[in-house]
């Protein structure tokens, strides 16, 4: 809630009047829970992305896929595409799960 109040100060007053602090707090929580860390080709963190379909996958400590990013040609400004790659055979009807955390921590 304190973060939402601090963020509110960054917006024009007419915006602040339209969106209650409680709504902003919920929005930030949703973003925090569903955002994917974007990494570059060298696995360095470069930002956060919201990928609605990727947010529908569940977590597993023994995942059957991994999240990766597909980059276009060098020099293009298009954002990376989130891709899920199977790391084992996935049976028809089996849930596709990946790890929300770095399993090597």
PDB file of N, CA and C in Angstrom:
ATOM      1  N   UNK A   1       0.822  -1.191   0.000  1.00  0.00           N
ATOM      2  CA  UNK A   1       0.000   0.000   0.000  1.00  0.00           C
ATOM      3  C   UNK A   1       0.872   1.264   0.000  1.00  0.00           C
ATOM      4  N   UNK A   2       1.963   1.222   0.718  1.00  0.00           N
ATOM      5  CA  UNK A   2       2.884   2.356   0.758  1.00  0.00           C
ATOM      6  C   UNK A   2       3.476   2.599  -0.631  1.00  0.00           C
ATOM      7  N   UNK A   3       3.789   1.505  -1.341  1.00  0.00           N
ATOM      8  CA  UNK A   3       4.331   1.620  -2.694  1.00  0.00           C
ATOM      9  C   UNK A   3       3.319   2.269  -3.622  1.00  0.00           C
ATOM     10  N   UNK A   4       2.067   1.841  -3.523  1.00  0.00           N
ATOM     11  CA  UNK A   4       1.019   2.412  -4.370  1.00  0.00           C
ATOM     12  C   UNK A   4       0.873   3.909  -4.119  1.00  0.00           C
ATOM     13  N   UNK A   5       0.943   4.309  -2.859  1.00  0.00           N
ATOM     14  CA  UNK A   5       0.836   5.735  -2.538  1.00  0.00           C
ATOM     15  C   UNK A   5       2.004   6.514  -3.136  1.00  0.00           C
ATOM     16  N   UNK A   6       3.194   5.944  -3.069  1.00  0.00           N
ATOM     17  CA  UNK A   6       4.371   6.610  -3.643  1.00  0.00           C
ATOM     18  C   UNK A   6       4.240   6.713  -5.161  1.00  0.00           C
ATOM     19  N   UNK A   7       3.759   5.650  -5.809  1.00  0.00           N
ATOM     20  CA  UNK A   7       3.590   5.650  -7.261  1.00  0.00           C
ATOM     21  C   UNK A   7       2.538   6.667  -7.680  1.00  0.00           C
ATOM     22  N   UNK A   8       1.493   6.806  -6.893  1.00  0.00           N
ATOM     23  CA  UNK A   8       0.414   7.757  -7.212  1.00  0.00           C
ATOM     24  C   UNK A   8       0.964   9.163  -7.424  1.00  0.00           C
ATOM     25  N   UNK A   9       1.991   9.518  -6.668  1.00  0.00           N
ATOM     26  CA  UNK A   9       2.556  10.873  -6.773  1.00  0.00           C
ATOM     27  C   UNK A   9       3.210  11.122  -8.134  1.00  0.00           C
ATOM     28  N   UNK A  10       3.524  10.054  -8.863  1.00  0.00           N
ATOM     29  CA  UNK A  10       4.153  10.202 -10.172  1.00  0.00           C
ATOM     30  C   UNK A  10       3.153  10.574 -11.273  1.00  0.00           C
ATOM     31  N   UNK A  11       1.862  10.382 -10.998  1.00  0.00           N
ATOM     32  CA  UNK A  11       0.834  10.616 -12.002  1.00  0.00           C
ATOM     33  C   UNK A  11       0.170  11.971 -11.799  1.00  0.00           C
ATOM     34  N   UNK A  12      -0.437  12.504 -12.871  1.00  0.00           N
ATOM     35  CA  UNK A  12      -1.162  13.775 -12.746  1.00  0.00           C
ATOM     36  C   UNK A  12      -2.306  13.659 -11.734  1.00  0.00           C
ATOM     37  N   UNK A  13      -2.686  14.780 -11.137  1.00  0.00           N
ATOM     38  CA  UNK A  13      -3.699  14.765 -10.084  1.00  0.00           C
ATOM     39  C   UNK A  13      -5.043  14.225 -10.574  1.00  0.00           C
ATOM     40  N   UNK A  14      -5.424  14.487 -11.825  1.00  0.00           N
ATOM     41  CA  UNK A  14      -6.709  13.980 -12.302  1.00  0.00           C
ATOM     42  C   UNK A  14      -6.711  12.449 -12.355  1.00  0.00           C
ATOM     43  N   UNK A  15      -5.555  11.850 -12.617  1.00  0.00           N
ATOM     44  CA  UNK A  15      -5.433  10.388 -12.602  1.00  0.00           C
ATOM     45  C   UNK A  15      -5.559   9.888 -11.167  1.00  0.00           C
ATOM     46  N   UNK A  16      -4.900  10.563 -10.253  1.00  0.00           N
ATOM     47  CA  UNK A  16      -4.920  10.155  -8.845  1.00  0.00           C
ATOM     48  C   UNK A  16      -6.332  10.166  -8.277  1.00  0.00           C
ATOM     49  N   UNK A  17      -7.137  11.118  -8.725  1.00  0.00           N
ATOM     50  CA  UNK A  17      -8.509  11.218  -8.225  1.00  0.00           C
ATOM     51  C   UNK A  17      -9.381  10.083  -8.750  1.00  0.00           C
ATOM     52  N   UNK A  18      -9.061   9.541  -9.928  1.00  0.00           N
ATOM     53  CA  UNK A  18      -9.910   8.525 -10.562  1.00  0.00           C
ATOM     54  C   UNK A  18      -9.624   7.112 -10.073  1.00  0.00           C
ATOM     55  N   UNK A  19      -8.404   6.843  -9.636  1.00  0.00           N
ATOM     56  CA  UNK A  19      -8.036   5.480  -9.260  1.00  0.00           C
ATOM     57  C   UNK A  19      -7.673   5.434  -7.780  1.00  0.00           C
ATOM     58  N   UNK A  20      -8.483   4.720  -6.997  1.00  0.00           N
ATOM     59  CA  UNK A  20      -8.195   4.623  -5.551  1.00  0.00           C
ATOM     60  C   UNK A  20      -6.883   3.886  -5.273  1.00  0.00           C
ATOM     61  N   UNK A  21      -6.268   4.216  -4.167  1.00  0.00           N
ATOM     62  CA  UNK A  21      -5.013   3.571  -3.760  1.00  0.00           C
ATOM     63  C   UNK A  21      -5.186   2.065  -3.653  1.00  0.00           C
ATOM     64  N   UNK A  22      -6.313   1.619  -3.150  1.00  0.00           N
ATOM     65  CA  UNK A  22      -6.588   0.181  -3.019  1.00  0.00           C
ATOM     66  C   UNK A  22      -6.527  -0.518  -4.383  1.00  0.00           C
ATOM     67  N   UNK A  23      -7.085   0.118  -5.404  1.00  0.00           N
ATOM     68  CA  UNK A  23      -7.071  -0.451  -6.756  1.00  0.00           C
ATOM     69  C   UNK A  23      -5.641  -0.525  -7.284  1.00  0.00           C
ATOM     70  N   UNK A  24      -4.869   0.531  -7.059  1.00  0.00           N
ATOM     71  CA  UNK A  24      -3.468   0.523  -7.491  1.00  0.00           C
ATOM     72  C   UNK A  24      -2.685  -0.574  -6.784  1.00  0.00           C
ATOM     73  N   UNK A  25      -2.929  -0.751  -5.493  1.00  0.00           N
ATOM     74  CA  UNK A  25      -2.240  -1.800  -4.737  1.00  0.00           C
ATOM     75  C   UNK A  25      -2.534  -3.166  -5.328  1.00  0.00           C
ATOM     76  N   UNK A  26      -3.795  -3.440  -5.642  1.00  0.00           N
ATOM     77  CA  UNK A  26      -4.176  -4.723  -6.239  1.00  0.00           C
ATOM     78  C   UNK A  26      -3.525  -4.899  -7.607  1.00  0.00           C
ATOM     79  N   UNK A  27      -3.500  -3.826  -8.396  1.00  0.00           N
ATOM     80  CA  UNK A  27      -2.885  -3.884  -9.722  1.00  0.00           C
ATOM     81  C   UNK A  27      -1.399  -4.225  -9.624  1.00  0.00           C
ATOM     82  N   UNK A  28      -0.682  -3.602  -8.720  1.00  0.00           N
ATOM     83  CA  UNK A  28       0.738  -3.897  -8.563  1.00  0.00           C
ATOM     84  C   UNK A  28       0.967  -5.327  -8.101  1.00  0.00           C
ATOM     85  N   UNK A  29       0.085  -5.831  -7.242  1.00  0.00           N
ATOM     86  CA  UNK A  29       0.203  -7.215  -6.780  1.00  0.00           C
ATOM     87  C   UNK A  29      -0.010  -8.180  -7.947  1.00  0.00           C
ATOM     88  N   UNK A  30      -1.002  -7.912  -8.780  1.00  0.00           N
ATOM     89  CA  UNK A  30      -1.265  -8.759  -9.953  1.00  0.00           C
ATOM     90  C   UNK A  30      -0.060  -8.750 -10.893  1.00  0.00           C
ATOM     91  N   UNK A  31       0.506  -7.576 -11.118  1.00  0.00           N
ATOM     92  CA  UNK A  31       1.680  -7.473 -11.996  1.00  0.00           C
ATOM     93  C   UNK A  31       2.856  -8.234 -11.385  1.00  0.00           C
ATOM     94  N   UNK A  32       3.079  -8.057 -10.102  1.00  0.00           N
ATOM     95  CA  UNK A  32       4.199  -8.739  -9.439  1.00  0.00           C
ATOM     96  C   UNK A  32       4.059 -10.257  -9.545  1.00  0.00           C
ATOM     97  N   UNK A  33       2.840 -10.753  -9.414  1.00  0.00           N
ATOM     98  CA  UNK A  33       2.609 -12.210  -9.447  1.00  0.00           C
ATOM     99  C   UNK A  33       2.653 -12.790 -10.860  1.00  0.00           C
ATOM    100  N   UNK A  34       2.409 -11.969 -11.864  1.00  0.00           N
ATOM    101  CA  UNK A  34       2.281 -12.492 -13.226  1.00  0.00           C
ATOM    102  C   UNK A  34       3.358 -12.027 -14.194  1.00  0.00           C
ATOM    103  N   UNK A  35       4.215 -11.131 -13.769  1.00  0.00           N
ATOM    104  CA  UNK A  35       5.256 -10.635 -14.661  1.00  0.00           C
ATOM    105  C   UNK A  35       6.374 -11.665 -14.814  1.00  0.00           C
ATOM    106  N   UNK A  36       6.934 -11.714 -15.994  1.00  0.00           N
ATOM    107  CA  UNK A  36       8.061 -12.599 -16.273  1.00  0.00           C
ATOM    108  C   UNK A  36       9.302 -11.736 -16.450  1.00  0.00           C
ATOM    109  N   UNK A  37      10.387 -12.157 -15.818  1.00  0.00           N
ATOM    110  CA  UNK A  37      11.651 -11.442 -15.991  1.00  0.00           C
ATOM    111  C   UNK A  37      12.162 -11.711 -17.399  1.00  0.00           C
ATOM    112  N   UNK A  38      12.426 -10.646 -18.131  1.00  0.00           N
ATOM    113  CA  UNK A  38      12.953 -10.775 -19.492  1.00  0.00           C
ATOM    114  C   UNK A  38      14.473 -10.757 -19.409  1.00  0.00           C
ATOM    115  N   UNK A  39      15.080 -11.724 -20.050  1.00  0.00           N
ATOM    116  CA  UNK A  39      16.547 -11.788 -20.094  1.00  0.00           C
ATOM    117  C   UNK A  39      17.017 -11.668 -21.538  1.00  0.00           C
ATOM    118  N   UNK A  40      18.223 -11.176 -21.684  1.00  0.00           N
ATOM    119  CA  UNK A  40      18.779 -11.069 -23.034  1.00  0.00           C
ATOM    120  C   UNK A  40      19.463 -12.382 -23.423  1.00  0.00           C
ATOM    121  N   UNK A  41      20.179 -12.355 -24.530  1.00  0.00           N
ATOM    122  CA  UNK A  41      20.842 -13.566 -25.034  1.00  0.00           C
ATOM    123  C   UNK A  41      21.886 -14.123 -24.068  1.00  0.00           C
ATOM    124  N   UNK A  42      22.348 -13.273 -23.158  1.00  0.00           N
ATOM    125  CA  UNK A  42      23.382 -13.672 -22.209  1.00  0.00           C
ATOM    126  C   UNK A  42      22.792 -13.974 -20.833  1.00  0.00           C
ATOM    127  N   UNK A  43      21.456 -14.059 -20.765  1.00  0.00           N
ATOM    128  CA  UNK A  43      20.708 -14.359 -19.550  1.00  0.00           C
ATOM    129  C   UNK A  43      20.797 -13.253 -18.499  1.00  0.00           C
ATOM    130  N   UNK A  44      21.080 -12.024 -18.939  1.00  0.00           N
ATOM    131  CA  UNK A  44      21.066 -10.863 -18.041  1.00  0.00           C
ATOM    132  C   UNK A  44      19.661 -10.286 -18.014  1.00  0.00           C
ATOM    133  N   UNK A  45      19.201  -9.918 -16.844  1.00  0.00           N
ATOM    134  CA  UNK A  45      17.859  -9.358 -16.716  1.00  0.00           C
ATOM    135  C   UNK A  45      17.801  -7.980 -17.376  1.00  0.00           C
ATOM    136  N   UNK A  46      16.773  -7.798 -18.222  1.00  0.00           N
ATOM    137  CA  UNK A  46      16.638  -6.516 -18.912  1.00  0.00           C
ATOM    138  C   UNK A  46      15.273  -5.863 -18.700  1.00  0.00           C
ATOM    139  N   UNK A  47      14.360  -6.544 -18.019  1.00  0.00           N
ATOM    140  CA  UNK A  47      13.050  -5.943 -17.772  1.00  0.00           C
ATOM    141  C   UNK A  47      12.017  -6.963 -17.345  1.00  0.00           C
ATOM    142  N   UNK A  48      10.777  -6.488 -17.292  1.00  0.00           N
ATOM    143  CA  UNK A  48       9.638  -7.342 -16.961  1.00  0.00           C
ATOM    144  C   UNK A  48       8.655  -7.313 -18.117  1.00  0.00           C
ATOM    145  N   UNK A  49       7.998  -8.429 -18.332  1.00  0.00           N
ATOM    146  CA  UNK A  49       6.986  -8.499 -19.373  1.00  0.00           C
ATOM    147  C   UNK A  49       5.737  -9.168 -18.850  1.00  0.00           C
ATOM    148  N   UNK A  50       4.601  -8.728 -19.346  1.00  0.00           N
ATOM    149  CA  UNK A  50       3.333  -9.372 -19.009  1.00  0.00           C
ATOM    150  C   UNK A  50       2.900 -10.182 -20.215  1.00  0.00           C
ATOM    151  N   UNK A  51       2.858 -11.473 -20.040  1.00  0.00           N
ATOM    152  CA  UNK A  51       2.484 -12.410 -21.091  1.00  0.00           C
ATOM    153  C   UNK A  51       1.269 -13.187 -20.583  1.00  0.00           C
ATOM    154  N   UNK A  52       0.056 -12.755 -20.946  1.00  0.00           N
ATOM    155  CA  UNK A  52      -1.160 -13.373 -20.383  1.00  0.00           C
ATOM    156  C   UNK A  52      -1.209 -14.892 -20.523  1.00  0.00           C
ATOM    157  N   UNK A  53      -0.861 -15.438 -21.663  1.00  0.00           N
ATOM    158  CA  UNK A  53      -0.921 -16.894 -21.817  1.00  0.00           C
ATOM    159  C   UNK A  53       0.120 -17.583 -20.938  1.00  0.00           C
ATOM    160  N   UNK A  54       1.294 -17.002 -20.832  1.00  0.00           N
ATOM    161  CA  UNK A  54       2.333 -17.563 -19.972  1.00  0.00           C
ATOM    162  C   UNK A  54       1.944 -17.532 -18.506  1.00  0.00           C
ATOM    163  N   UNK A  55       1.130 -16.554 -18.130  1.00  0.00           N
ATOM    164  CA  UNK A  55       0.692 -16.438 -16.743  1.00  0.00           C
ATOM    165  C   UNK A  55      -0.317 -17.514 -16.361  1.00  0.00           C
ATOM    166  N   UNK A  56      -0.838 -18.228 -17.348  1.00  0.00           N
ATOM    167  CA  UNK A  56      -1.820 -19.282 -17.058  1.00  0.00           C
ATOM    168  C   UNK A  56      -1.160 -20.605 -16.683  1.00  0.00           C
ATOM    169  N   UNK A  57       0.133 -20.751 -16.947  1.00  0.00           N
ATOM    170  CA  UNK A  57       0.810 -21.998 -16.601  1.00  0.00           C
ATOM    171  C   UNK A  57       1.057 -22.056 -15.107  1.00  0.00           C
ATOM    172  N   UNK A  58       0.986 -23.251 -14.566  1.00  0.00           N
ATOM    173  CA  UNK A  58       1.219 -23.453 -13.139  1.00  0.00           C
ATOM    174  C   UNK A  58       2.679 -23.782 -12.862  1.00  0.00           C
ATOM    175  N   UNK A  59       3.046 -23.626 -11.591  1.00  0.00           N
ATOM    176  CA  UNK A  59       4.403 -23.907 -11.123  1.00  0.00           C
ATOM    177  C   UNK A  59       4.565 -25.391 -10.797  1.00  0.00           C
ATOM    178  N   UNK A  60       5.759 -25.888 -11.004  1.00  0.00           N
ATOM    179  CA  UNK A  60       6.136 -27.219 -10.538  1.00  0.00           C
ATOM    180  C   UNK A  60       7.610 -27.180 -10.152  1.00  0.00           C
ATOM    181  N   UNK A  61       7.943 -27.876  -9.072  1.00  0.00           N
ATOM    182  CA  UNK A  61       9.355 -28.017  -8.702  1.00  0.00           C
ATOM    183  C   UNK A  61      10.043 -29.039  -9.596  1.00  0.00           C
ATOM    184  N   UNK A  62       9.241 -29.793 -10.351  1.00  0.00           N
ATOM    185  CA  UNK A  62       9.762 -30.726 -11.352  1.00  0.00           C
ATOM    186  C   UNK A  62       9.058 -30.393 -12.673  1.00  0.00           C
ATOM    187  N   UNK A  63       9.439 -29.251 -13.275  1.00  0.00           N
ATOM    188  CA  UNK A  63       8.739 -28.775 -14.465  1.00  0.00           C
ATOM    189  C   UNK A  63       8.970 -29.664 -15.685  1.00  0.00           C
ATOM    190  N   UNK A  64       8.029 -29.587 -16.637  1.00  0.00           N
ATOM    191  CA  UNK A  64       8.212 -30.319 -17.895  1.00  0.00           C
ATOM    192  C   UNK A  64       8.494 -29.362 -19.053  1.00  0.00           C
ATOM    193  N   UNK A  65       8.646 -28.077 -18.727  1.00  0.00           N
ATOM    194  CA  UNK A  65       9.049 -27.109 -19.751  1.00  0.00           C
ATOM    195  C   UNK A  65       9.822 -25.970 -19.084  1.00  0.00           C
ATOM    196  N   UNK A  66      10.469 -25.179 -19.896  1.00  0.00           N
ATOM    197  CA  UNK A  66      11.189 -24.001 -19.410  1.00  0.00           C
ATOM    198  C   UNK A  66      10.766 -22.792 -20.245  1.00  0.00           C
ATOM    199  N   UNK A  67      10.836 -21.636 -19.614  1.00  0.00           N
ATOM    200  CA  UNK A  67      10.551 -20.387 -20.318  1.00  0.00           C
ATOM    201  C   UNK A  67      11.840 -19.883 -20.947  1.00  0.00           C
ATOM    202  N   UNK A  68      11.734 -19.423 -22.165  1.00  0.00           N
ATOM    203  CA  UNK A  68      12.883 -18.844 -22.875  1.00  0.00           C
ATOM    204  C   UNK A  68      12.361 -17.690 -23.725  1.00  0.00           C
ATOM    205  N   UNK A  69      13.256 -16.918 -24.266  1.00  0.00           N
ATOM    206  CA  UNK A  69      12.851 -15.793 -25.105  1.00  0.00           C
ATOM    207  C   UNK A  69      13.406 -15.972 -26.504  1.00  0.00           C
ATOM    208  N   UNK A  70      12.575 -15.632 -27.463  1.00  0.00           N
ATOM    209  CA  UNK A  70      12.966 -15.672 -28.859  1.00  0.00           C
ATOM    210  C   UNK A  70      13.204 -14.232 -29.304  1.00  0.00           C
ATOM    211  N   UNK A  71      14.390 -13.986 -29.840  1.00  0.00           N
ATOM    212  CA  UNK A  71      14.743 -12.632 -30.276  1.00  0.00           C
ATOM    213  C   UNK A  71      14.736 -12.559 -31.797  1.00  0.00           C
ATOM    214  N   UNK A  72      14.335 -11.435 -32.291  1.00  0.00           N
ATOM    215  CA  UNK A  72      14.371 -11.228 -33.735  1.00  0.00           C
ATOM    216  C   UNK A  72      15.792 -10.848 -34.125  1.00  0.00           C
ATOM    217  N   UNK A  73      15.963 -10.452 -35.350  1.00  0.00           N
ATOM    218  CA  UNK A  73      17.304 -10.090 -35.828  1.00  0.00           C
ATOM    219  C   UNK A  73      17.874  -8.921 -35.035  1.00  0.00           C
ATOM    220  N   UNK A  74      19.179  -8.897 -34.916  1.00  0.00           N
ATOM    221  CA  UNK A  74      19.864  -7.818 -34.197  1.00  0.00           C
ATOM    222  C   UNK A  74      19.503  -6.472 -34.816  1.00  0.00           C
ATOM    223  N   UNK A  75      19.311  -5.484 -33.984  1.00  0.00           N
ATOM    224  CA  UNK A  75      19.016  -4.148 -34.464  1.00  0.00           C
ATOM    225  C   UNK A  75      17.527  -3.834 -34.502  1.00  0.00           C
ATOM    226  N   UNK A  76      16.684  -4.855 -34.476  1.00  0.00           N
ATOM    227  CA  UNK A  76      15.250  -4.605 -34.473  1.00  0.00           C
ATOM    228  C   UNK A  76      14.807  -4.226 -33.070  1.00  0.00           C
ATOM    229  N   UNK A  77      13.777  -3.425 -32.986  1.00  0.00           N
ATOM    230  CA  UNK A  77      13.325  -2.942 -31.682  1.00  0.00           C
ATOM    231  C   UNK A  77      12.126  -3.715 -31.135  1.00  0.00           C
ATOM    232  N   UNK A  78      11.681  -4.751 -31.821  1.00  0.00           N
ATOM    233  CA  UNK A  78      10.558  -5.547 -31.319  1.00  0.00           C
ATOM    234  C   UNK A  78      10.949  -6.228 -30.019  1.00  0.00           C
ATOM    235  N   UNK A  79       9.996  -6.326 -29.093  1.00  0.00           N
ATOM    236  CA  UNK A  79      10.300  -7.003 -27.823  1.00  0.00           C
ATOM    237  C   UNK A  79      10.490  -8.499 -28.041  1.00  0.00           C
ATOM    238  N   UNK A  80      11.185  -9.148 -27.118  1.00  0.00           N
ATOM    239  CA  UNK A  80      11.359 -10.598 -27.231  1.00  0.00           C
ATOM    240  C   UNK A  80      10.022 -11.315 -27.048  1.00  0.00           C
ATOM    241  N   UNK A  81       9.915 -12.499 -27.616  1.00  0.00           N
ATOM    242  CA  UNK A  81       8.718 -13.316 -27.515  1.00  0.00           C
ATOM    243  C   UNK A  81       8.970 -14.399 -26.476  1.00  0.00           C
ATOM    244  N   UNK A  82       8.034 -14.551 -25.533  1.00  0.00           N
ATOM    245  CA  UNK A  82       8.156 -15.600 -24.525  1.00  0.00           C
ATOM    246  C   UNK A  82       7.759 -16.927 -25.158  1.00  0.00           C
ATOM    247  N   UNK A  83       8.647 -17.914 -25.033  1.00  0.00           N
ATOM    248  CA  UNK A  83       8.430 -19.241 -25.610  1.00  0.00           C
ATOM    249  C   UNK A  83       8.615 -20.259 -24.497  1.00  0.00           C
ATOM    250  N   UNK A  84       7.749 -21.262 -24.466  1.00  0.00           N
ATOM    251  CA  UNK A  84       7.915 -22.356 -23.516  1.00  0.00           C
ATOM    252  C   UNK A  84       8.388 -23.568 -24.289  1.00  0.00           C
ATOM    253  N   UNK A  85       9.490 -24.156 -23.835  1.00  0.00           N
ATOM    254  CA  UNK A  85      10.078 -25.306 -24.521  1.00  0.00           C
ATOM    255  C   UNK A  85      10.001 -26.534 -23.614  1.00  0.00           C
ATOM    256  N   UNK A  86       9.516 -27.626 -24.182  1.00  0.00           N
ATOM    257  CA  UNK A  86       9.430 -28.875 -23.416  1.00  0.00           C
ATOM    258  C   UNK A  86      10.831 -29.384 -23.116  1.00  0.00           C
ATOM    259  N   UNK A  87      11.014 -29.885 -21.888  1.00  0.00           N
ATOM    260  CA  UNK A  87      12.307 -30.473 -21.516  1.00  0.00           C
ATOM    261  C   UNK A  87      12.159 -31.973 -21.298  1.00  0.00           C
ATOM    262  N   UNK A  88      10.956 -32.468 -21.518  1.00  0.00           N
ATOM    263  CA  UNK A  88      10.683 -33.896 -21.493  1.00  0.00           C
ATOM    264  C   UNK A  88       9.404 -34.130 -22.306  1.00  0.00           C
ATOM    265  N   UNK A  89       9.131 -35.353 -22.626  1.00  0.00           N
ATOM    266  CA  UNK A  89       7.906 -35.656 -23.356  1.00  0.00           C
ATOM    267  C   UNK A  89       6.704 -35.281 -22.490  1.00  0.00           C
ATOM    268  N   UNK A  90       5.711 -34.658 -23.114  1.00  0.00           N
ATOM    269  CA  UNK A  90       4.494 -34.265 -22.422  1.00  0.00           C
ATOM    270  C   UNK A  90       3.335 -35.005 -23.087  1.00  0.00           C
ATOM    271  N   UNK A  91       2.658 -35.816 -22.293  1.00  0.00           N
ATOM    272  CA  UNK A  91       1.552 -36.627 -22.824  1.00  0.00           C
ATOM    273  C   UNK A  91       0.337 -35.752 -23.131  1.00  0.00           C
ATOM    274  N   UNK A  92      -0.470 -36.183 -24.065  1.00  0.00           N
ATOM    275  CA  UNK A  92      -1.712 -35.492 -24.369  1.00  0.00           C
ATOM    276  C   UNK A  92      -2.547 -35.437 -23.094  1.00  0.00           C
ATOM    277  N   UNK A  93      -3.023 -34.265 -22.745  1.00  0.00           N
ATOM    278  CA  UNK A  93      -3.830 -34.084 -21.549  1.00  0.00           C
ATOM    279  C   UNK A  93      -3.035 -33.782 -20.291  1.00  0.00           C
ATOM    280  N   UNK A  94      -1.710 -33.968 -20.343  1.00  0.00           N
ATOM    281  CA  UNK A  94      -0.863 -33.673 -19.182  1.00  0.00           C
ATOM    282  C   UNK A  94      -0.701 -32.159 -19.047  1.00  0.00           C
ATOM    283  N   UNK A  95      -0.710 -31.687 -17.813  1.00  0.00           N
ATOM    284  CA  UNK A  95      -0.541 -30.262 -17.577  1.00  0.00           C
ATOM    285  C   UNK A  95       0.886 -29.834 -17.897  1.00  0.00           C
ATOM    286  N   UNK A  96       1.003 -28.707 -18.573  1.00  0.00           N
ATOM    287  CA  UNK A  96       2.307 -28.123 -18.871  1.00  0.00           C
ATOM    288  C   UNK A  96       2.642 -27.186 -17.720  1.00  0.00           C
ATOM    289  N   UNK A  97       3.762 -27.452 -17.016  1.00  0.00           N
ATOM    290  CA  UNK A  97       4.166 -26.662 -15.850  1.00  0.00           C
ATOM    291  C   UNK A  97       5.621 -26.230 -15.990  1.00  0.00           C
ATOM    292  N   UNK A  98       5.906 -25.089 -15.472  1.00  0.00           N
ATOM    293  CA  UNK A  98       7.299 -24.630 -15.408  1.00  0.00           C
ATOM    294  C   UNK A  98       7.568 -24.095 -14.018  1.00  0.00           C
ATOM    295  N   UNK A  99       8.816 -23.840 -13.719  1.00  0.00           N
ATOM    296  CA  UNK A  99       9.190 -23.350 -12.405  1.00  0.00           C
ATOM    297  C   UNK A  99       9.124 -21.824 -12.389  1.00  0.00           C
ATOM    298  N   UNK A 100       8.434 -21.289 -11.396  1.00  0.00           N
ATOM    299  CA  UNK A 100       8.346 -19.838 -11.234  1.00  0.00           C
ATOM    300  C   UNK A 100       9.658 -19.273 -10.676  1.00  0.00           C
ATOM    301  N   UNK A 101      10.479 -20.136 -10.110  1.00  0.00           N
ATOM    302  CA  UNK A 101      11.716 -19.689  -9.484  1.00  0.00           C
ATOM    303  C   UNK A 101      12.911 -20.387 -10.136  1.00  0.00           C
ATOM    304  N   UNK A 102      14.083 -19.865  -9.884  1.00  0.00           N
ATOM    305  CA  UNK A 102      15.300 -20.486 -10.378  1.00  0.00           C
ATOM    306  C   UNK A 102      15.554 -21.734  -9.532  1.00  0.00           C
ATOM    307  N   UNK A 103      15.497 -22.892 -10.157  1.00  0.00           N
ATOM    308  CA  UNK A 103      15.648 -24.142  -9.415  1.00  0.00           C
ATOM    309  C   UNK A 103      17.080 -24.373  -8.928  1.00  0.00           C
ATOM    310  N   UNK A 104      18.018 -23.552  -9.391  1.00  0.00           N
ATOM    311  CA  UNK A 104      19.418 -23.734  -8.999  1.00  0.00           C
ATOM    312  C   UNK A 104      19.833 -22.779  -7.885  1.00  0.00           C
ATOM    313  N   UNK A 105      18.878 -22.135  -7.249  1.00  0.00           N
ATOM    314  CA  UNK A 105      19.206 -21.201  -6.163  1.00  0.00           C
ATOM    315  C   UNK A 105      19.633 -21.952  -4.925  1.00  0.00           C
TER     316      UNK A 105
END
